[in-house]
Protein backbone atom coordinates (compact mmCIF):
# COMPACT_ATOMS: atom_id res chain seq x y z
CA MET A 1 6.84 -23.88 4.04
CA ASP A 2 9.05 -24.09 1.32
CA ARG A 3 7.08 -23.24 -0.92
CA ARG A 4 7.62 -20.13 -3.61
CA VAL A 5 5.57 -17.27 -3.68
CA VAL A 6 5.32 -15.49 -6.73
CA ILE A 7 2.83 -11.67 -8.49
CA THR A 8 1.27 -12.93 -11.60
CA GLY A 9 -1.04 -10.00 -11.30
CA LEU A 10 -1.42 -6.42 -10.03
CA GLY A 11 -4.46 -3.90 -9.66
CA GLY A 12 -4.35 -0.61 -8.47
CA LEU A 13 -6.50 3.03 -8.33
CA CYS A 14 -5.44 5.90 -6.89
CA GLY A 15 -5.25 9.67 -7.47
CA LEU A 16 -2.65 9.28 -10.09
CA GLY A 17 -4.79 6.80 -12.61
CA THR A 18 -7.53 3.58 -11.86
CA ASP A 19 -4.96 0.79 -13.48
CA VAL A 20 -1.92 0.62 -12.72
CA GLY A 21 -0.31 1.33 -16.13
CA SER A 22 -1.50 4.71 -15.03
CA ILE A 23 -0.71 4.47 -12.08
CA TRP A 24 3.44 2.89 -13.40
CA ARG A 25 3.36 5.99 -15.38
CA GLY A 26 3.02 8.81 -12.82
CA MET A 27 5.01 7.31 -10.60
CA ARG A 28 7.88 6.23 -13.46
CA GLU A 29 7.47 10.43 -14.62
CA GLY A 30 6.99 12.00 -10.85
CA ARG A 31 4.12 13.20 -10.77
CA SER A 32 2.39 14.36 -8.07
CA ALA A 33 -1.07 13.49 -8.09
CA ILE A 34 -1.77 15.89 -4.32
CA GLY A 35 -4.38 19.53 -4.98
CA PRO A 36 -7.46 20.56 -3.44
CA ILE A 37 -10.31 17.78 -2.49
CA VAL A 38 -13.68 18.28 -4.66
CA ASN A 39 -15.46 15.23 -4.68
CA ALA A 40 -15.53 14.19 -0.66
CA GLN A 41 -18.45 15.99 1.09
CA LEU A 42 -15.28 17.37 4.55
CA HIS A 43 -18.65 19.94 5.64
CA GLY A 44 -16.35 23.33 6.63
CA LEU A 45 -12.58 21.94 5.88
CA GLU A 46 -12.42 23.08 1.89
CA GLY A 47 -9.30 23.63 0.56
CA THR A 48 -8.38 20.83 1.93
CA ILE A 49 -5.38 19.13 -0.03
CA GLY A 50 -4.58 15.76 -0.89
CA ALA A 51 -4.18 12.84 -3.85
CA GLU A 52 -7.96 12.02 -4.12
CA ILE A 53 -9.58 9.63 -7.43
CA LYS A 54 -11.33 11.71 -9.32
CA THR A 55 -13.13 9.56 -10.71
CA LEU A 56 -14.15 5.36 -10.55
CA PRO A 57 -14.05 3.21 -13.61
CA GLU A 58 -16.82 1.71 -15.47
CA HIS A 59 -17.98 -1.11 -13.49
CA ASP A 60 -20.21 -4.06 -13.33
CA VAL A 61 -20.15 -4.58 -9.61
CA ASP A 62 -23.86 -6.05 -8.98
CA PRO A 63 -25.44 -2.70 -7.93
CA ARG A 64 -27.32 -5.12 -5.40
CA GLN A 65 -23.48 -6.10 -3.68
CA LEU A 66 -22.85 -1.73 -3.97
CA LEU A 67 -25.77 -1.09 -1.26
CA ALA A 68 -23.21 -2.67 0.95
CA MET A 69 -20.04 -1.35 0.69
CA GLY A 70 -17.95 1.54 1.82
CA ARG A 71 -15.91 2.92 -0.69
CA PHE A 72 -12.81 1.76 0.74
CA SER A 73 -14.12 -2.49 0.16
CA LEU A 74 -15.57 -1.00 -3.64
CA LEU A 75 -11.64 0.36 -4.07
CA ALA A 76 -10.42 -2.78 -3.26
CA VAL A 77 -13.03 -4.83 -5.30
CA LEU A 78 -11.82 -3.00 -8.88
CA ALA A 79 -7.88 -3.38 -7.92
CA ALA A 80 -8.03 -6.75 -7.26
CA ARG A 81 -10.35 -7.32 -10.31
CA GLU A 82 -7.82 -5.93 -12.51
CA ALA A 83 -5.57 -8.07 -10.73
CA MET A 84 -7.57 -11.63 -11.81
CA ARG A 85 -7.46 -10.64 -14.98
CA GLN A 86 -3.61 -9.63 -15.53
CA ALA A 87 -3.35 -13.13 -14.12
CA GLY A 88 -5.97 -14.65 -15.95
CA LEU A 89 -7.27 -15.57 -13.50
CA SER A 90 -10.69 -17.28 -12.07
CA CYS A 91 -12.74 -19.23 -9.63
CA ASN A 92 -15.15 -22.55 -10.11
CA GLU A 93 -16.67 -24.43 -7.57
CA GLY A 94 -13.43 -27.15 -8.24
CA ASN A 95 -11.15 -24.65 -7.04
CA ALA A 96 -12.87 -22.09 -5.36
CA HIS A 97 -12.16 -23.64 -1.78
CA ARG A 98 -7.87 -22.67 -2.89
CA PHE A 99 -8.46 -18.80 -3.16
CA GLY A 100 -8.17 -16.44 -0.71
CA ALA A 101 -7.64 -13.10 0.10
CA THR A 102 -5.99 -10.76 2.71
CA VAL A 103 -6.69 -7.11 2.99
CA GLY A 104 -4.75 -4.80 5.12
CA VAL A 105 -7.04 -0.99 6.25
CA ALA A 106 -5.57 0.86 8.30
CA PHE A 107 -9.15 3.05 9.53
CA GLY A 108 -11.43 1.39 7.76
CA GLY A 109 -15.25 2.75 6.14
CA TYR A 110 -15.46 6.09 8.26
CA ASP A 111 -17.28 7.06 5.49
CA ALA A 112 -20.44 4.72 6.87
CA THR A 113 -19.60 5.76 10.76
CA GLU A 114 -19.35 8.93 10.09
CA LYS A 115 -22.99 9.25 8.07
CA GLY A 116 -24.20 8.14 10.68
CA TYR A 117 -23.48 9.98 13.18
CA ARG A 118 -24.83 13.59 10.73
CA ASP A 119 -27.62 11.06 9.93
CA VAL A 120 -28.64 10.93 14.15
CA LEU A 121 -26.93 13.30 16.06
CA LEU A 122 -26.93 16.21 14.05
CA GLY A 123 -29.60 15.63 11.58
CA GLY A 124 -32.36 13.89 14.56
CA ALA A 125 -32.69 10.82 12.46
CA SER A 126 -34.19 7.80 14.27
CA ARG A 127 -31.36 5.02 12.96
CA VAL A 128 -28.82 4.34 10.41
CA ASP A 129 -28.54 2.90 7.37
CA LEU A 130 -28.75 -0.29 7.70
CA PHE A 131 -25.97 -2.04 6.18
CA SER A 132 -23.37 0.88 8.38
CA GLY A 133 -22.26 -2.00 10.33
CA VAL A 134 -21.00 -3.89 7.45
CA LYS A 135 -19.52 -1.20 5.78
CA ALA A 136 -17.39 0.23 8.05
CA MET A 137 -15.56 -2.85 9.56
CA PRO A 138 -12.30 -3.31 8.40
CA SER A 139 -12.55 -7.14 7.09
CA ALA A 140 -15.14 -5.66 5.36
CA ALA A 141 -12.84 -4.57 2.47
CA ALA A 142 -11.44 -8.62 2.46
CA CYS A 143 -15.03 -9.93 2.63
CA GLN A 144 -16.18 -7.86 -0.62
CA VAL A 145 -13.44 -9.05 -2.99
CA SER A 146 -14.14 -12.75 -1.43
CA MET A 147 -17.82 -12.58 -2.85
CA SER A 148 -17.59 -10.34 -6.15
CA LEU A 149 -14.53 -12.78 -7.21
CA GLY A 150 -15.41 -16.20 -5.86
CA LEU A 151 -13.18 -16.80 -3.52
CA ARG A 152 -13.86 -19.22 -0.95
CA GLY A 153 -10.63 -19.69 0.56
CA PRO A 154 -9.12 -18.30 3.06
CA VAL A 155 -10.52 -14.31 3.58
CA PHE A 156 -9.45 -11.41 6.56
CA GLY A 157 -9.03 -8.16 7.03
CA VAL A 158 -5.06 -6.91 8.57
CA THR A 159 -5.00 -3.78 10.22
CA THR A 160 -1.19 -2.43 11.14
CA ALA A 161 -2.37 1.41 10.42
CA CYS A 162 0.28 2.79 7.38
CA ALA A 163 1.66 -0.72 8.07
CA SER A 164 -1.64 -2.85 6.89
CA GLY A 165 -0.67 -3.69 3.07
CA ASN A 166 2.71 -4.70 3.82
CA HIS A 167 1.30 -6.95 6.32
CA ALA A 168 -1.76 -8.29 4.68
CA ILE A 169 0.87 -9.43 1.49
CA ALA A 170 2.85 -11.53 4.03
CA SER A 171 0.06 -12.83 5.11
CA ALA A 172 -0.94 -14.17 2.18
CA VAL A 173 2.39 -15.46 1.63
CA ASP A 174 1.84 -17.25 4.75
CA GLN A 175 -1.29 -18.74 3.31
CA ILE A 176 0.26 -20.09 0.48
CA LYS A 177 3.21 -21.66 1.96
CA TYR A 178 1.52 -23.49 4.41
CA GLY A 179 -0.58 -25.19 2.30
CA ARG A 180 -3.83 -23.60 3.04
CA ALA A 181 -3.98 -22.04 -0.38
CA ASP A 182 -2.55 -21.78 -3.46
CA VAL A 183 -4.12 -18.50 -4.76
CA MET A 184 -4.74 -15.29 -2.64
CA LEU A 185 -4.87 -11.78 -3.64
CA ALA A 186 -3.18 -9.24 -1.40
CA GLY A 187 -2.58 -5.98 -0.34
CA GLY A 188 -4.62 -2.81 0.48
CA SER A 189 -7.27 0.05 0.94
CA ASP A 190 -8.11 3.12 2.20
CA ALA A 191 -10.96 5.77 1.57
CA PRO A 192 -9.83 8.32 4.05
CA PHE A 193 -11.01 11.53 3.35
CA VAL A 194 -13.74 12.22 5.84
CA PHE A 195 -14.52 14.81 8.73
CA MET A 196 -12.86 12.84 11.23
CA MET A 197 -10.03 11.49 9.60
CA VAL A 198 -8.94 14.64 7.94
CA LYS A 199 -9.00 16.20 11.26
CA ALA A 200 -7.43 13.25 13.50
CA TRP A 201 -4.18 14.16 11.50
CA GLU A 202 -4.88 17.84 11.60
CA ALA A 203 -4.78 17.34 15.00
CA MET A 204 -1.01 15.74 15.25
CA ARG A 205 0.41 18.74 13.13
CA VAL A 206 1.77 15.78 10.56
CA LEU A 207 -0.01 17.32 7.82
CA ALA A 208 1.08 18.85 4.91
CA PRO A 209 0.02 22.54 4.01
CA ASP A 210 1.54 22.12 0.17
CA THR A 211 2.26 18.92 -0.71
CA CYS A 212 4.55 15.95 -0.19
CA ARG A 213 8.26 16.03 -0.30
CA PRO A 214 10.17 13.79 1.24
CA PHE A 215 13.62 14.08 2.50
CA SER A 216 13.94 17.42 1.41
CA ALA A 217 15.12 19.73 3.98
CA ASP A 218 11.95 21.88 3.22
CA ARG A 219 9.98 19.40 3.89
CA LYS A 220 6.48 20.04 6.22
CA GLY A 221 4.76 16.94 6.40
CA LEU A 222 2.66 14.49 5.04
CA VAL A 223 -0.10 14.62 2.29
CA LEU A 224 -3.46 12.18 2.84
CA GLY A 225 -4.53 10.40 -0.15
CA GLU A 226 -6.95 7.42 -1.13
CA GLY A 227 -6.19 4.07 -3.56
CA ALA A 228 -6.07 0.61 -3.19
CA GLY A 229 -2.98 -2.21 -4.34
CA MET A 230 -4.23 -4.90 -4.79
CA ALA A 231 -2.12 -8.44 -6.01
CA VAL A 232 -2.49 -12.14 -6.92
CA LEU A 233 0.34 -14.21 -4.84
CA GLU A 234 0.74 -17.66 -6.30
CA SER A 235 2.57 -20.48 -4.97
CA TYR A 236 5.56 -20.83 -8.24
CA GLU A 237 3.98 -24.05 -8.98
CA HIS A 238 0.63 -23.79 -9.71
CA ALA A 239 2.24 -20.44 -11.86
CA THR A 240 4.30 -22.26 -14.21
CA ALA A 241 1.85 -25.42 -14.30
CA ARG A 242 -0.54 -23.04 -15.85
CA GLY A 243 2.12 -21.44 -17.34
CA ALA A 244 1.62 -18.60 -16.48
CA THR A 245 3.58 -14.91 -16.37
CA ILE A 246 5.08 -14.15 -13.12
CA LEU A 247 6.15 -10.52 -13.03
CA ALA A 248 7.71 -10.82 -9.48
CA GLU A 249 8.11 -13.68 -6.25
CA VAL A 250 7.98 -12.01 -2.82
CA ALA A 251 12.13 -12.89 -2.12
CA GLY A 252 11.66 -12.25 2.07
CA ILE A 253 9.59 -10.67 4.46
CA GLY A 254 10.28 -8.88 7.98
CA LEU A 255 7.95 -7.75 10.95
CA SER A 256 9.47 -6.38 14.08
CA ALA A 257 7.48 -4.00 16.45
CA ASP A 258 9.03 -1.21 18.48
CA ALA A 259 7.95 -1.18 21.65
CA SER A 260 8.46 2.02 22.54
CA HIS A 261 5.82 4.53 21.96
CA ILE A 262 1.94 5.01 19.61
CA ALA A 263 3.04 7.59 17.83
CA ALA A 264 6.89 8.66 17.94
CA PRO A 265 9.42 6.68 15.47
CA ALA A 266 11.57 4.76 16.42
CA VAL A 267 15.40 3.34 14.17
CA HIS A 268 15.58 0.05 16.07
CA GLY A 269 12.46 -1.40 14.69
CA PRO A 270 12.60 -0.55 11.34
CA GLU A 271 16.86 -1.54 11.58
CA ARG A 272 15.48 -5.39 13.03
CA ALA A 273 12.90 -5.49 9.97
CA MET A 274 14.58 -4.94 7.70
CA ARG A 275 17.83 -7.14 9.09
CA ALA A 276 14.98 -9.80 9.02
CA CYS A 277 13.91 -9.35 5.78
CA LEU A 278 16.74 -9.51 4.26
CA ALA A 279 17.55 -13.21 6.65
CA ASP A 280 14.43 -14.72 5.18
CA ALA A 281 15.34 -13.91 1.82
CA LYS A 282 18.38 -14.81 1.60
CA LEU A 283 19.73 -11.37 0.62
CA ASN A 284 23.35 -10.18 1.22
CA PRO A 285 23.37 -6.02 1.81
CA GLU A 286 24.32 -4.85 -1.62
CA ASP A 287 22.32 -7.52 -3.82
CA VAL A 288 19.21 -4.86 -3.32
CA GLU A 289 19.63 -2.37 -5.96
CA TYR A 290 16.28 -0.09 -5.12
CA LEU A 291 14.33 0.21 -2.22
CA ASN A 292 10.70 1.71 -1.98
CA ALA A 293 11.10 3.80 1.53
CA HIS A 294 7.94 4.78 3.83
CA GLY A 295 9.00 7.87 3.22
CA THR A 296 6.45 10.16 4.63
CA GLY A 297 7.70 13.53 4.24
CA THR A 298 7.86 14.05 8.07
CA LYS A 299 10.79 15.84 9.66
CA ALA A 300 11.13 12.16 12.04
CA ASN A 301 10.26 10.20 9.89
CA ASP A 302 12.78 10.63 7.49
CA GLN A 303 15.47 11.25 9.61
CA ILE A 304 15.03 7.88 11.43
CA GLU A 305 14.50 6.14 8.58
CA THR A 306 17.55 6.58 6.95
CA ALA A 307 18.97 6.11 9.81
CA ALA A 308 17.83 2.86 10.30
CA ILE A 309 19.15 2.16 6.30
CA LYS A 310 22.58 3.23 6.62
CA ARG A 311 22.41 0.75 10.21
CA VAL A 312 21.78 -1.96 7.79
CA PHE A 313 22.98 -1.19 4.72
CA GLY A 314 26.66 -0.01 5.33
CA GLU A 315 28.55 1.50 2.37
CA HIS A 316 25.62 0.49 -0.10
CA ALA A 317 23.12 2.34 1.75
CA TYR A 318 24.88 5.69 -0.77
CA SER A 319 24.62 3.03 -3.77
CA MET A 320 21.63 1.39 -4.02
CA SER A 321 18.58 3.92 -5.43
CA VAL A 322 16.12 4.96 -2.34
CA SER A 323 13.09 6.65 -3.30
CA SER A 324 9.40 8.39 -1.84
CA THR A 325 6.14 7.59 -4.12
CA LYS A 326 3.83 8.93 -1.74
CA SER A 327 5.21 12.35 -3.18
CA THR A 328 3.51 10.74 -6.66
CA HIS A 329 0.51 9.04 -4.62
CA ALA A 330 0.73 10.84 -1.33
CA HIS A 331 -0.12 8.64 2.33
CA CYS A 332 -3.05 6.22 0.94
CA GLN A 333 -2.61 4.68 5.00
CA GLY A 334 -3.12 1.14 4.28
CA ALA A 335 -3.30 1.14 0.50
CA ALA A 336 -0.30 2.65 1.30
CA SER A 337 2.76 -0.50 0.72
CA ALA A 338 0.15 -1.99 -1.65
CA LEU A 339 0.40 0.48 -3.89
CA GLU A 340 4.05 0.56 -3.36
CA MET A 341 4.70 -2.73 -4.09
CA ILE A 342 3.26 -1.63 -7.60
CA ALA A 343 6.58 -0.13 -8.01
CA CYS A 344 8.91 -2.37 -6.68
CA VAL A 345 7.46 -4.70 -8.97
CA MET A 346 7.26 -2.27 -12.02
CA ALA A 347 10.56 -1.19 -11.09
CA ILE A 348 12.26 -4.81 -11.79
CA GLN A 349 10.25 -5.46 -14.37
CA GLU A 350 11.51 -1.79 -16.78
CA GLY A 351 14.56 -1.99 -14.89
CA VAL A 352 13.62 1.97 -13.94
CA VAL A 353 13.23 3.33 -10.96
CA PRO A 354 10.54 5.71 -10.09
CA PRO A 355 12.04 9.11 -8.20
CA THR A 356 11.03 11.31 -5.63
CA ALA A 357 8.88 14.29 -6.74
CA ASN A 358 8.88 17.53 -5.34
CA TYR A 359 12.09 17.67 -3.81
CA ARG A 360 14.05 20.11 -3.86
CA GLU A 361 16.21 20.65 -1.36
CA PRO A 362 19.28 18.50 0.34
CA ASP A 363 18.87 17.37 4.21
CA PRO A 364 21.97 16.27 5.60
CA ASP A 365 20.13 14.04 8.18
CA CYS A 366 18.31 11.78 4.51
CA ASP A 367 21.81 12.23 3.07
CA LEU A 368 21.02 9.04 0.71
CA ASP A 369 20.16 9.11 -3.58
CA VAL A 370 16.66 9.12 -3.15
CA THR A 371 16.33 9.82 -6.88
CA PRO A 372 14.91 13.34 -6.62
CA ASN A 373 12.38 14.21 -9.38
CA VAL A 374 13.80 11.98 -12.78
CA PRO A 375 12.93 8.68 -13.22
CA ARG A 376 16.44 6.69 -13.18
CA GLU A 377 17.52 3.92 -15.76
CA ARG A 378 19.04 0.78 -13.20
CA LYS A 379 18.86 -2.83 -13.82
CA VAL A 380 16.38 -3.62 -10.36
CA ARG A 381 17.09 -7.56 -9.88
CA VAL A 382 15.64 -7.08 -6.35
CA ALA A 383 13.45 -4.10 -4.52
CA MET A 384 12.57 -3.54 -1.32
CA SER A 385 9.75 -2.15 0.53
CA ASN A 386 9.72 -0.23 3.43
CA ALA A 387 6.74 0.12 5.93
CA PHE A 388 5.84 1.48 8.78
CA ALA A 389 3.89 2.61 11.13
CA MET A 390 1.89 3.94 14.17
CA GLY A 391 2.10 2.12 16.97
CA GLY A 392 5.36 1.23 16.26
CA VAL A 393 4.83 -1.57 14.02
CA ASN A 394 7.14 -2.82 10.72
CA SER A 395 6.73 -4.82 8.20
CA VAL A 396 9.38 -4.52 5.10
CA LEU A 397 8.29 -7.52 1.56
CA ALA A 398 12.10 -7.69 -0.86
CA PHE A 399 10.43 -8.37 -4.40
CA LYS A 400 13.19 -10.39 -6.93
CA HIS A 401 12.97 -11.08 -10.78
CA VAL A 402 12.16 -14.47 -11.78
CA SER A 403 14.32 -15.25 -14.55
């Protein structure tokens, strides 16, 4: 359990771009990818806004594999391949059993589920597509990543709604610490632009009509996005032995549950997760220079998260940098915290805090330094990422610079 776990590769796709470089540039510039959805078949929901991936990158995924792959699985595979390329790793018969994957997903392949419904119940077809079930299952993304890259170690899906990405990374860290794997691909993926998903969020009255404005007094709710974020995690010994470039260390993990309400956030669960993360990382509150907030842009989340941050960090809450990059890539469900992991690692790498975009009016109940609209140069040795999900499950990760 004393094994250190480091990040040696990153991959991602979202509305901001189809690789980590373009995603980070969009975050750093505070460029919002939110706009009208034009590619998805939303069946009467035209005019819906979100952060959509307009064009997928060129790829050579086997067409036979694509037949059994939903969109969220494809996004995960493309992100995982990019991460492996950056890490300079590949599997072979000698090491594949020491490589694994965990992929977090909030909902999974609802594109396949909805297509089956429309084909059979609305279109009169006698059966659904052959691969509908395997496209829809939440573990499909992890399975497809393992098949695409030849990973034969621990492989499984993780689903804890909007905290799934962080939970998947935490689970992958445990596999390495316990010695079950030397390398894990870990992150999250989701593609929620289908009729049922949009209507479900609409029914909860939390969707913003214009854009996502976390912590701004005039915020009106969250905006949906699609995407994937993946990291190559290795034991420190494995990475240094092969001379890998280490991007950051996963320094601490904090997990908790509110145990109070299926949809309404509470302050005690997020507070406990942040405290547990600091304790696991053996860090003091004042060691954290940057906190990537859950920051959905809903009234309740932003106020409660601010209160929890103040409880944990005290006076330091006003001197550390906070931001919500959901203002740029929107709320990508199971992929959200995985994309925010990219923000934390790149902030450590470049000494730049990405801003909270679209910010207009201070809210006295959200009176932290939320880095409004403009990036800030700042040396970041430790960054923390919050993920608080429906169901009251919370997952917080801390990342630190490795000299």
